[in-house]
C-alpha atoms as a PDB file:
ATOM      1  CA  MET A   1       0.004  -0.027   0.053  1.00  0.00           C
ATOM      2  CA  ASN A   2       1.221   3.611  -0.746  1.00  0.00           C
ATOM      3  CA  TYR A   3       0.605   5.787   2.144  1.00  0.00           C
ATOM      4  CA  GLY A   4       2.827   8.480   0.893  1.00  0.00           C
ATOM      5  CA  LYS A   5       0.109  10.907  -0.039  1.00  0.00           C
ATOM      6  CA  PHE A   6      -1.417  10.691   3.475  1.00  0.00           C
ATOM      7  CA  LEU A   7       2.101  11.141   5.218  1.00  0.00           C
ATOM      8  CA  LYS A   8       3.070  13.927   2.893  1.00  0.00           C
ATOM      9  CA  ASN A   9      -0.082  15.848   3.566  1.00  0.00           C
ATOM     10  CA  ASN A  10       0.242  15.246   7.316  1.00  0.00           C
ATOM     11  CA  LEU A  11      -3.100  13.431   7.387  1.00  0.00           C
ATOM     12  CA  ILE A  12      -1.643  10.411   9.132  1.00  0.00           C
ATOM     13  CA  LYS A  13       1.196   9.589  11.386  1.00  0.00           C
ATOM     14  CA  LYS A  14       2.966   6.231  12.143  1.00  0.00           C
ATOM     15  CA  GLN A  15       2.615   4.540  15.411  1.00  0.00           C
ATOM     16  CA  ASN A  16       2.902   1.015  16.725  1.00  0.00           C
ATOM     17  CA  PRO A  17      -0.209  -0.866  16.514  1.00  0.00           C
ATOM     18  CA  ASP A  18      -2.118  -0.507  19.700  1.00  0.00           C
ATOM     19  CA  PHE A  19      -4.144  -3.705  20.084  1.00  0.00           C
ATOM     20  CA  LYS A  20      -6.211  -2.458  23.027  1.00  0.00           C
ATOM     21  CA  GLN A  21      -7.313   0.626  21.124  1.00  0.00           C
ATOM     22  CA  ILE A  22      -8.176  -1.530  18.058  1.00  0.00           C
ATOM     23  CA  GLU A  23     -10.323  -3.759  20.300  1.00  0.00           C
ATOM     24  CA  LEU A  24     -12.024  -0.764  21.911  1.00  0.00           C
ATOM     25  CA  GLN A  25     -12.851   0.788  18.557  1.00  0.00           C
ATOM     26  CA  LEU A  26     -14.216  -2.415  17.173  1.00  0.00           C
ATOM     27  CA  GLN A  27     -16.371  -3.102  20.311  1.00  0.00           C
ATOM     28  CA  ARG A  28     -17.798   0.444  20.167  1.00  0.00           C
ATOM     29  CA  SER A  29     -18.382   0.065  16.344  1.00  0.00           C
ATOM     30  CA  LEU A  30     -20.317  -3.173  17.002  1.00  0.00           C
ATOM     31  CA  LYS A  31     -22.308  -1.446  19.777  1.00  0.00           C
ATOM     32  CA  ASP A  32     -23.077   1.528  17.488  1.00  0.00           C
ATOM     33  CA  LEU A  33     -24.348  -0.781  14.763  1.00  0.00           C
ATOM     34  CA  GLN A  34     -26.644  -2.660  17.370  1.00  0.00           C
ATOM     35  CA  THR A  35     -27.942   0.737  18.487  1.00  0.00           C
ATOM     36  CA  ALA A  36     -28.547   1.863  14.847  1.00  0.00           C
ATOM     37  CA  ASN A  37     -30.333  -1.413  14.236  1.00  0.00           C
ATOM     38  CA  GLU A  38     -32.601  -0.863  17.302  1.00  0.00           C
ATOM     39  CA  ASN A  39     -33.354   2.706  16.276  1.00  0.00           C
ATOM     40  CA  LEU A  40     -34.475   1.906  12.760  1.00  0.00           C
ATOM     41  CA  ASN A  41     -38.122   2.074  13.366  1.00  0.00           C
ATOM     42  CA  ILE A  42     -37.791   5.212  15.650  1.00  0.00           C
ATOM     43  CA  ASP A  43     -35.708   7.751  13.626  1.00  0.00           C
ATOM     44  CA  LEU A  44     -34.126   6.912  10.309  1.00  0.00           C
ATOM     45  CA  THR A  45     -32.026   9.997  10.141  1.00  0.00           C
ATOM     46  CA  TRP A  46     -30.421   9.373  13.537  1.00  0.00           C
ATOM     47  CA  THR A  47     -29.955   5.765  12.488  1.00  0.00           C
ATOM     48  CA  TYR A  48     -27.671   6.805   9.593  1.00  0.00           C
ATOM     49  CA  THR A  49     -25.716   9.011  11.878  1.00  0.00           C
ATOM     50  CA  ILE A  50     -25.117   6.246  14.257  1.00  0.00           C
ATOM     51  CA  ALA A  51     -24.224   3.851  11.471  1.00  0.00           C
ATOM     52  CA  TYR A  52     -21.842   6.502  10.064  1.00  0.00           C
ATOM     53  CA  HIS A  53     -19.944   6.608  13.500  1.00  0.00           C
ATOM     54  CA  ALA A  54     -19.765   2.863  13.452  1.00  0.00           C
ATOM     55  CA  MET A  55     -18.073   2.961  10.151  1.00  0.00           C
ATOM     56  CA  ILE A  56     -15.601   5.751  11.262  1.00  0.00           C
ATOM     57  CA  ARG A  57     -14.618   3.661  14.324  1.00  0.00           C
ATOM     58  CA  ALA A  58     -14.137   0.467  12.225  1.00  0.00           C
ATOM     59  CA  GLY A  59     -12.003   2.508   9.748  1.00  0.00           C
ATOM     60  CA  ARG A  60     -10.072   4.019  12.646  1.00  0.00           C
ATOM     61  CA  ALA A  61      -9.439   0.434  14.003  1.00  0.00           C
ATOM     62  CA  LEU A  62      -8.154  -0.620  10.567  1.00  0.00           C
ATOM     63  CA  MET A  63      -5.671   2.327  10.507  1.00  0.00           C
ATOM     64  CA  TYR A  64      -4.558   1.479  13.932  1.00  0.00           C
ATOM     65  CA  SER A  65      -3.935  -2.264  12.787  1.00  0.00           C
ATOM     66  CA  LYS A  66      -1.882  -0.940   9.999  1.00  0.00           C
ATOM     67  CA  GLY A  67       0.384   1.256  12.272  1.00  0.00           C
ATOM     68  CA  PHE A  68      -1.240   4.516  11.554  1.00  0.00           C
ATOM     69  CA  LEU A  69      -3.095   7.189  13.325  1.00  0.00           C
ATOM     70  CA  PRO A  70      -5.284   9.945  11.634  1.00  0.00           C
ATOM     71  CA  THR A  71      -4.191  13.469  12.466  1.00  0.00           C
ATOM     72  CA  THR A  72      -6.747  16.150  13.293  1.00  0.00           C
ATOM     73  CA  LYS A  73      -6.722  17.530   9.794  1.00  0.00           C
ATOM     74  CA  ASN A  74      -9.743  16.160   7.736  1.00  0.00           C
ATOM     75  CA  THR A  75     -10.041  13.090  10.093  1.00  0.00           C
ATOM     76  CA  HIS A  76     -13.111  11.463   8.824  1.00  0.00           C
ATOM     77  CA  LYS A  77     -12.221  12.048   5.138  1.00  0.00           C
ATOM     78  CA  THR A  78      -8.784  10.582   5.712  1.00  0.00           C
ATOM     79  CA  ILE A  79     -10.239   7.493   7.449  1.00  0.00           C
ATOM     80  CA  VAL A  80     -12.697   6.816   4.514  1.00  0.00           C
ATOM     81  CA  GLU A  81      -9.950   7.359   1.990  1.00  0.00           C
ATOM     82  CA  PHE A  82      -7.467   5.173   3.881  1.00  0.00           C
ATOM     83  CA  THR A  83     -10.092   2.393   4.226  1.00  0.00           C
ATOM     84  CA  LYS A  84     -10.827   2.689   0.559  1.00  0.00           C
ATOM     85  CA  LEU A  85      -7.126   2.203  -0.358  1.00  0.00           C
ATOM     86  CA  GLN A  86      -7.233  -0.987   1.687  1.00  0.00           C
ATOM     87  CA  PHE A  87      -9.918  -2.449  -0.500  1.00  0.00           C
ATOM     88  CA  THR A  88      -8.990  -1.121  -3.829  1.00  0.00           C
ATOM     89  CA  ASP A  89      -6.986  -3.257  -6.261  1.00  0.00           C
ATOM     90  CA  ASP A  90      -4.740  -0.926  -8.326  1.00  0.00           C
ATOM     91  CA  ARG A  91      -3.371  -3.651 -10.514  1.00  0.00           C
END
């Protein structure tokens, strides 16, 4: 994977994988998904917001597992683009 763009633009920084933080992010993401599911018949707009946060937390966990941490600059956009890079085949 080429993380050069992210590093050059100060969007991510290197760190050692923190398995406790990865686990916490994944647990919270799952809890958010459960909450979103339970909220479906109450408030669809809020359900989307909760699901979005679950996605961000899961993406953050992925970044942590790869040894990176998003900076405070465009955090959500960086997480989404970083995650996309993980699942895109450029060949």
